[in-house]
Amino acid sequence: MAYFEWSEDLSVNETEIDDQHKILIGIINDLHNSIQVGFDREDIDKILTRLILYVQVHFDTEEHYMAQYTYLDEVEHKKEHFALTVKVGELYRKQLEGQPSVAFEIMDFLKTWLTDHILKIDKKFGAYLSNHGRLP
């Protein structure tokens, strides 16, 4: 069983965004699996680098739609994105410095943050897109 599983409860009814959320969940699961088989720092660093790069791709996608569809809560949503970017950067620096248990901290933080963000912030955005002519 995966550490973090996709469920339809997490769907924002926007295929591209849902697919990107699934990829983020997959990367978090890759991190979990790497930790489970034994803390190979190089593997963990690669997964975290992939995560950081993909998070930016995902945020760029959402922010493109926010601008395109004149999303009224764009500023607040972008603040959430910025906060995650800063926090992941801090955790990644700790990992590079060799601080113990940071990989667990990152994994748990991301699972909680992503779930909360999707359920509270992205679902609202998905509903906005649906109501403004953007089809899944």
N, C-alpha and C. Protein backbone atom coordinates (compact mmCIF):
# COMPACT_ATOMS: atom_id res chain seq x y z
N MET A 1 0.84 -1.19 0.00
CA MET A 1 0.00 0.00 0.00
C MET A 1 0.89 1.25 0.00
N ALA A 2 0.51 2.21 -0.78
CA ALA A 2 1.27 3.45 -0.89
C ALA A 2 1.12 4.30 0.37
N TYR A 3 2.11 5.10 0.62
CA TYR A 3 2.08 6.02 1.76
C TYR A 3 0.96 7.05 1.59
N PHE A 4 0.77 7.52 0.37
CA PHE A 4 -0.21 8.57 0.08
C PHE A 4 -0.95 8.13 -1.18
N GLU A 5 -2.25 7.93 -1.06
CA GLU A 5 -3.03 7.46 -2.20
C GLU A 5 -3.98 8.52 -2.72
N TRP A 6 -4.08 8.57 -4.04
CA TRP A 6 -5.05 9.45 -4.70
C TRP A 6 -6.44 8.88 -4.47
N SER A 7 -7.39 9.76 -4.24
CA SER A 7 -8.78 9.35 -4.20
C SER A 7 -9.60 10.42 -4.91
N GLU A 8 -10.77 10.06 -5.34
CA GLU A 8 -11.63 11.02 -6.03
C GLU A 8 -12.01 12.18 -5.12
N ASP A 9 -11.92 12.01 -3.81
CA ASP A 9 -12.18 13.12 -2.89
C ASP A 9 -11.21 14.28 -3.13
N LEU A 10 -10.04 13.97 -3.69
CA LEU A 10 -9.03 14.99 -3.96
C LEU A 10 -9.20 15.66 -5.32
N SER A 11 -10.11 15.15 -6.13
CA SER A 11 -10.31 15.70 -7.47
C SER A 11 -10.84 17.13 -7.40
N VAL A 12 -10.27 17.99 -8.24
CA VAL A 12 -10.77 19.36 -8.37
C VAL A 12 -11.59 19.51 -9.66
N ASN A 13 -11.86 18.38 -10.31
CA ASN A 13 -12.64 18.33 -11.55
C ASN A 13 -12.01 19.12 -12.69
N GLU A 14 -10.70 19.14 -12.70
CA GLU A 14 -9.93 19.75 -13.78
C GLU A 14 -8.82 18.75 -14.09
N THR A 15 -8.94 18.07 -15.21
CA THR A 15 -8.08 16.93 -15.53
C THR A 15 -6.59 17.25 -15.42
N GLU A 16 -6.16 18.35 -16.01
CA GLU A 16 -4.73 18.66 -15.99
C GLU A 16 -4.22 18.86 -14.57
N ILE A 17 -4.97 19.57 -13.76
CA ILE A 17 -4.56 19.81 -12.37
C ILE A 17 -4.61 18.52 -11.56
N ASP A 18 -5.67 17.72 -11.74
CA ASP A 18 -5.75 16.43 -11.05
C ASP A 18 -4.56 15.54 -11.42
N ASP A 19 -4.24 15.49 -12.71
CA ASP A 19 -3.10 14.67 -13.15
C ASP A 19 -1.80 15.14 -12.52
N GLN A 20 -1.63 16.45 -12.41
CA GLN A 20 -0.42 16.97 -11.77
C GLN A 20 -0.41 16.65 -10.28
N HIS A 21 -1.56 16.72 -9.63
CA HIS A 21 -1.62 16.34 -8.21
C HIS A 21 -1.23 14.86 -8.05
N LYS A 22 -1.67 14.02 -8.97
CA LYS A 22 -1.32 12.59 -8.92
C LYS A 22 0.19 12.41 -9.05
N ILE A 23 0.81 13.20 -9.91
CA ILE A 23 2.27 13.11 -10.07
C ILE A 23 2.96 13.55 -8.78
N LEU A 24 2.47 14.62 -8.16
CA LEU A 24 3.05 15.06 -6.88
C LEU A 24 2.91 13.98 -5.82
N ILE A 25 1.76 13.35 -5.77
CA ILE A 25 1.55 12.25 -4.82
C ILE A 25 2.53 11.11 -5.12
N GLY A 26 2.74 10.83 -6.40
CA GLY A 26 3.70 9.80 -6.79
C GLY A 26 5.11 10.12 -6.33
N ILE A 27 5.50 11.37 -6.45
CA ILE A 27 6.85 11.77 -6.01
C ILE A 27 6.97 11.63 -4.49
N ILE A 28 5.93 12.01 -3.76
CA ILE A 28 5.94 11.83 -2.30
C ILE A 28 6.07 10.34 -1.98
N ASN A 29 5.37 9.49 -2.71
CA ASN A 29 5.48 8.04 -2.50
C ASN A 29 6.88 7.54 -2.86
N ASP A 30 7.48 8.11 -3.90
CA ASP A 30 8.86 7.73 -4.24
C ASP A 30 9.80 8.07 -3.08
N LEU A 31 9.60 9.23 -2.48
CA LEU A 31 10.41 9.62 -1.33
C LEU A 31 10.21 8.62 -0.19
N HIS A 32 8.97 8.28 0.09
CA HIS A 32 8.67 7.30 1.14
C HIS A 32 9.35 5.97 0.85
N ASN A 33 9.24 5.50 -0.40
CA ASN A 33 9.86 4.22 -0.75
C ASN A 33 11.37 4.27 -0.61
N SER A 34 11.97 5.38 -0.99
CA SER A 34 13.42 5.52 -0.87
C SER A 34 13.84 5.47 0.60
N ILE A 35 13.06 6.10 1.45
CA ILE A 35 13.36 6.07 2.89
C ILE A 35 13.20 4.65 3.43
N GLN A 36 12.17 3.96 2.97
CA GLN A 36 11.89 2.60 3.47
C GLN A 36 13.01 1.63 3.13
N VAL A 37 13.62 1.80 1.96
CA VAL A 37 14.68 0.85 1.57
C VAL A 37 16.04 1.25 2.12
N GLY A 38 16.12 2.40 2.79
CA GLY A 38 17.35 2.73 3.47
C GLY A 38 18.03 4.01 3.05
N PHE A 39 17.61 5.09 3.45
CA PHE A 39 18.21 6.42 3.41
C PHE A 39 19.41 6.63 2.50
N ASP A 40 19.30 6.33 1.24
CA ASP A 40 20.36 6.66 0.30
C ASP A 40 20.25 8.16 0.02
N ARG A 41 21.18 8.93 0.59
CA ARG A 41 21.12 10.40 0.49
C ARG A 41 21.04 10.88 -0.95
N GLU A 42 21.79 10.23 -1.82
CA GLU A 42 21.79 10.65 -3.22
C GLU A 42 20.41 10.46 -3.85
N ASP A 43 19.78 9.32 -3.58
CA ASP A 43 18.43 9.07 -4.08
C ASP A 43 17.44 10.09 -3.54
N ILE A 44 17.52 10.33 -2.25
CA ILE A 44 16.60 11.28 -1.61
C ILE A 44 16.81 12.68 -2.19
N ASP A 45 18.07 13.07 -2.37
CA ASP A 45 18.35 14.38 -2.97
C ASP A 45 17.76 14.49 -4.37
N LYS A 46 17.88 13.42 -5.16
CA LYS A 46 17.33 13.43 -6.52
C LYS A 46 15.80 13.55 -6.50
N ILE A 47 15.17 12.82 -5.61
CA ILE A 47 13.71 12.87 -5.50
C ILE A 47 13.26 14.26 -5.06
N LEU A 48 13.96 14.83 -4.10
CA LEU A 48 13.60 16.18 -3.64
C LEU A 48 13.81 17.22 -4.73
N THR A 49 14.86 17.06 -5.50
CA THR A 49 15.09 17.98 -6.63
C THR A 49 13.96 17.84 -7.64
N ARG A 50 13.58 16.61 -7.94
CA ARG A 50 12.46 16.37 -8.88
C ARG A 50 11.18 16.99 -8.33
N LEU A 51 10.96 16.84 -7.04
CA LEU A 51 9.77 17.41 -6.40
C LEU A 51 9.76 18.93 -6.53
N ILE A 52 10.86 19.56 -6.20
CA ILE A 52 10.94 21.03 -6.26
C ILE A 52 10.68 21.52 -7.68
N LEU A 53 11.27 20.86 -8.65
CA LEU A 53 11.08 21.27 -10.05
C LEU A 53 9.63 21.04 -10.49
N TYR A 54 9.04 19.92 -10.08
CA TYR A 54 7.68 19.63 -10.52
C TYR A 54 6.66 20.51 -9.81
N VAL A 55 6.90 20.84 -8.56
CA VAL A 55 6.00 21.76 -7.85
C VAL A 55 5.92 23.08 -8.62
N GLN A 56 7.05 23.54 -9.14
CA GLN A 56 7.05 24.79 -9.89
C GLN A 56 6.24 24.66 -11.17
N VAL A 57 6.38 23.55 -11.86
CA VAL A 57 5.58 23.29 -13.07
C VAL A 57 4.09 23.34 -12.71
N HIS A 58 3.74 22.66 -11.64
CA HIS A 58 2.34 22.61 -11.21
C HIS A 58 1.83 24.00 -10.84
N PHE A 59 2.59 24.74 -10.06
CA PHE A 59 2.16 26.08 -9.67
C PHE A 59 2.03 26.99 -10.89
N ASP A 60 2.95 26.87 -11.82
CA ASP A 60 2.87 27.66 -13.05
C ASP A 60 1.58 27.36 -13.81
N THR A 61 1.19 26.09 -13.86
CA THR A 61 -0.05 25.70 -14.53
C THR A 61 -1.24 26.35 -13.86
N GLU A 62 -1.34 26.20 -12.55
CA GLU A 62 -2.47 26.78 -11.83
C GLU A 62 -2.49 28.30 -11.99
N GLU A 63 -1.35 28.93 -11.86
CA GLU A 63 -1.29 30.39 -11.93
C GLU A 63 -1.60 30.90 -13.35
N HIS A 64 -1.27 30.11 -14.35
CA HIS A 64 -1.65 30.46 -15.72
C HIS A 64 -3.18 30.49 -15.83
N TYR A 65 -3.84 29.46 -15.32
CA TYR A 65 -5.30 29.42 -15.35
C TYR A 65 -5.91 30.54 -14.51
N MET A 66 -5.29 30.86 -13.39
CA MET A 66 -5.80 31.95 -12.57
C MET A 66 -5.82 33.25 -13.36
N ALA A 67 -4.75 33.52 -14.07
CA ALA A 67 -4.68 34.75 -14.87
C ALA A 67 -5.64 34.68 -16.06
N GLN A 68 -5.66 33.54 -16.72
CA GLN A 68 -6.50 33.39 -17.90
C GLN A 68 -7.98 33.54 -17.59
N TYR A 69 -8.41 33.04 -16.44
CA TYR A 69 -9.83 33.07 -16.07
C TYR A 69 -10.14 34.11 -15.01
N THR A 70 -9.22 35.04 -14.78
CA THR A 70 -9.39 36.15 -13.84
C THR A 70 -9.93 35.66 -12.50
N TYR A 71 -9.16 34.77 -11.88
CA TYR A 71 -9.55 34.18 -10.60
C TYR A 71 -9.48 35.23 -9.51
N LEU A 72 -10.57 35.42 -8.81
CA LEU A 72 -10.67 36.50 -7.83
C LEU A 72 -9.79 36.28 -6.60
N ASP A 73 -9.50 35.03 -6.26
CA ASP A 73 -8.65 34.74 -5.10
C ASP A 73 -7.21 34.42 -5.51
N GLU A 74 -6.80 34.94 -6.65
CA GLU A 74 -5.47 34.64 -7.19
C GLU A 74 -4.36 35.02 -6.21
N VAL A 75 -4.43 36.19 -5.61
CA VAL A 75 -3.36 36.65 -4.72
C VAL A 75 -3.21 35.71 -3.53
N GLU A 76 -4.31 35.34 -2.91
CA GLU A 76 -4.25 34.44 -1.75
C GLU A 76 -3.73 33.06 -2.15
N HIS A 77 -4.17 32.58 -3.29
CA HIS A 77 -3.74 31.27 -3.76
C HIS A 77 -2.22 31.27 -4.03
N LYS A 78 -1.75 32.34 -4.65
CA LYS A 78 -0.32 32.45 -4.92
C LYS A 78 0.49 32.54 -3.63
N LYS A 79 -0.07 33.17 -2.60
CA LYS A 79 0.61 33.21 -1.30
C LYS A 79 0.81 31.81 -0.75
N GLU A 80 -0.20 30.96 -0.92
CA GLU A 80 -0.09 29.56 -0.49
C GLU A 80 1.04 28.87 -1.25
N HIS A 81 1.10 29.10 -2.53
CA HIS A 81 2.16 28.50 -3.35
C HIS A 81 3.53 28.98 -2.88
N PHE A 82 3.65 30.26 -2.64
CA PHE A 82 4.93 30.83 -2.19
C PHE A 82 5.33 30.23 -0.84
N ALA A 83 4.37 30.11 0.08
CA ALA A 83 4.67 29.56 1.41
C ALA A 83 5.19 28.13 1.30
N LEU A 84 4.58 27.33 0.42
CA LEU A 84 5.06 25.97 0.25
C LEU A 84 6.47 25.97 -0.34
N THR A 85 6.70 26.80 -1.32
CA THR A 85 8.01 26.87 -1.96
C THR A 85 9.09 27.21 -0.94
N VAL A 86 8.81 28.17 -0.08
CA VAL A 86 9.77 28.57 0.95
C VAL A 86 10.02 27.42 1.92
N LYS A 87 8.95 26.79 2.40
CA LYS A 87 9.09 25.70 3.38
C LYS A 87 9.85 24.51 2.79
N VAL A 88 9.52 24.13 1.59
CA VAL A 88 10.24 23.00 0.96
C VAL A 88 11.70 23.36 0.75
N GLY A 89 11.97 24.60 0.38
CA GLY A 89 13.36 25.05 0.24
C GLY A 89 14.12 24.94 1.55
N GLU A 90 13.48 25.35 2.65
CA GLU A 90 14.12 25.25 3.97
C GLU A 90 14.40 23.79 4.33
N LEU A 91 13.42 22.93 4.10
CA LEU A 91 13.59 21.52 4.43
C LEU A 91 14.66 20.87 3.54
N TYR A 92 14.68 21.27 2.28
CA TYR A 92 15.69 20.73 1.36
C TYR A 92 17.09 21.14 1.81
N ARG A 93 17.25 22.38 2.24
CA ARG A 93 18.56 22.83 2.75
C ARG A 93 18.98 22.00 3.96
N LYS A 94 18.02 21.70 4.85
CA LYS A 94 18.33 20.85 6.00
C LYS A 94 18.80 19.47 5.54
N GLN A 95 18.15 18.95 4.52
CA GLN A 95 18.54 17.64 3.97
C GLN A 95 19.96 17.70 3.44
N LEU A 96 20.28 18.74 2.69
CA LEU A 96 21.61 18.87 2.12
C LEU A 96 22.68 19.04 3.20
N GLU A 97 22.28 19.64 4.33
CA GLU A 97 23.20 19.81 5.46
C GLU A 97 23.36 18.52 6.25
N GLY A 98 22.58 17.50 5.92
CA GLY A 98 22.70 16.21 6.58
C GLY A 98 21.96 16.09 7.90
N GLN A 99 21.01 16.98 8.14
CA GLN A 99 20.25 16.89 9.38
C GLN A 99 19.42 15.61 9.39
N PRO A 100 19.44 14.88 10.50
CA PRO A 100 18.73 13.61 10.56
C PRO A 100 17.21 13.78 10.53
N SER A 101 16.55 12.80 9.97
CA SER A 101 15.09 12.70 9.92
C SER A 101 14.39 13.77 9.10
N VAL A 102 15.13 14.57 8.35
CA VAL A 102 14.51 15.62 7.53
C VAL A 102 13.65 15.00 6.44
N ALA A 103 14.07 13.90 5.87
CA ALA A 103 13.28 13.27 4.80
C ALA A 103 11.89 12.90 5.32
N PHE A 104 11.81 12.37 6.55
CA PHE A 104 10.51 12.07 7.14
C PHE A 104 9.69 13.34 7.33
N GLU A 105 10.34 14.38 7.81
CA GLU A 105 9.67 15.66 8.03
C GLU A 105 9.11 16.21 6.71
N ILE A 106 9.91 16.13 5.67
CA ILE A 106 9.48 16.61 4.36
C ILE A 106 8.28 15.81 3.87
N MET A 107 8.38 14.50 3.96
CA MET A 107 7.33 13.62 3.48
C MET A 107 6.01 13.89 4.22
N ASP A 108 6.06 13.95 5.53
CA ASP A 108 4.86 14.20 6.32
C ASP A 108 4.29 15.59 6.07
N PHE A 109 5.17 16.57 5.99
CA PHE A 109 4.72 17.94 5.72
C PHE A 109 4.01 18.01 4.37
N LEU A 110 4.62 17.41 3.35
CA LEU A 110 4.04 17.49 2.01
C LEU A 110 2.70 16.78 1.92
N LYS A 111 2.60 15.62 2.54
CA LYS A 111 1.32 14.90 2.52
C LYS A 111 0.23 15.74 3.15
N THR A 112 0.51 16.30 4.32
CA THR A 112 -0.47 17.13 5.02
C THR A 112 -0.78 18.39 4.23
N TRP A 113 0.27 19.07 3.77
CA TRP A 113 0.06 20.33 3.05
C TRP A 113 -0.72 20.10 1.77
N LEU A 114 -0.32 19.10 0.99
CA LEU A 114 -0.97 18.86 -0.29
C LEU A 114 -2.44 18.49 -0.09
N THR A 115 -2.72 17.62 0.87
CA THR A 115 -4.10 17.25 1.14
C THR A 115 -4.92 18.46 1.54
N ASP A 116 -4.43 19.24 2.50
CA ASP A 116 -5.15 20.44 2.94
C ASP A 116 -5.31 21.44 1.80
N HIS A 117 -4.25 21.66 1.05
CA HIS A 117 -4.28 22.63 -0.05
C HIS A 117 -5.30 22.22 -1.11
N ILE A 118 -5.28 20.94 -1.48
CA ILE A 118 -6.23 20.48 -2.48
C ILE A 118 -7.66 20.61 -1.96
N LEU A 119 -7.91 20.11 -0.76
CA LEU A 119 -9.27 20.08 -0.24
C LEU A 119 -9.84 21.47 0.04
N LYS A 120 -9.00 22.41 0.43
CA LYS A 120 -9.50 23.73 0.81
C LYS A 120 -9.32 24.78 -0.28
N ILE A 121 -8.17 24.82 -0.90
CA ILE A 121 -7.82 25.90 -1.83
C ILE A 121 -8.07 25.49 -3.28
N ASP A 122 -7.55 24.34 -3.67
CA ASP A 122 -7.66 23.94 -5.08
C ASP A 122 -9.08 23.53 -5.47
N LYS A 123 -9.82 22.94 -4.56
CA LYS A 123 -11.21 22.59 -4.88
C LYS A 123 -12.02 23.86 -5.18
N LYS A 124 -11.77 24.89 -4.41
CA LYS A 124 -12.45 26.17 -4.65
C LYS A 124 -12.06 26.70 -6.04
N PHE A 125 -10.79 26.60 -6.38
CA PHE A 125 -10.31 27.05 -7.67
C PHE A 125 -10.91 26.19 -8.79
N GLY A 126 -10.96 24.87 -8.58
CA GLY A 126 -11.55 23.97 -9.58
C GLY A 126 -13.01 24.30 -9.84
N ALA A 127 -13.75 24.61 -8.77
CA ALA A 127 -15.16 24.99 -8.93
C ALA A 127 -15.26 26.29 -9.72
N TYR A 128 -14.36 27.22 -9.45
CA TYR A 128 -14.35 28.49 -10.19
C TYR A 128 -14.12 28.22 -11.67
N LEU A 129 -13.14 27.37 -11.98
CA LEU A 129 -12.86 27.06 -13.38
C LEU A 129 -14.08 26.42 -14.05
N SER A 130 -14.72 25.50 -13.36
CA SER A 130 -15.91 24.84 -13.92
C SER A 130 -17.02 25.84 -14.17
N ASN A 131 -17.18 26.79 -13.28
CA ASN A 131 -18.25 27.78 -13.40
C ASN A 131 -17.94 28.87 -14.41
N HIS A 132 -16.69 28.92 -14.88
CA HIS A 132 -16.31 29.96 -15.84
C HIS A 132 -15.87 29.39 -17.18
N GLY A 133 -16.47 28.26 -17.53
CA GLY A 133 -16.29 27.73 -18.87
C GLY A 133 -15.13 26.82 -19.09
N ARG A 134 -14.34 26.56 -18.09
CA ARG A 134 -13.22 25.62 -18.23
C ARG A 134 -13.74 24.23 -17.96
N LEU A 135 -13.65 23.34 -18.92
CA LEU A 135 -14.17 21.99 -18.77
C LEU A 135 -13.06 21.04 -18.37
N PRO A 136 -13.39 20.00 -17.57
CA PRO A 136 -12.37 19.00 -17.19
C PRO A 136 -11.84 18.21 -18.36
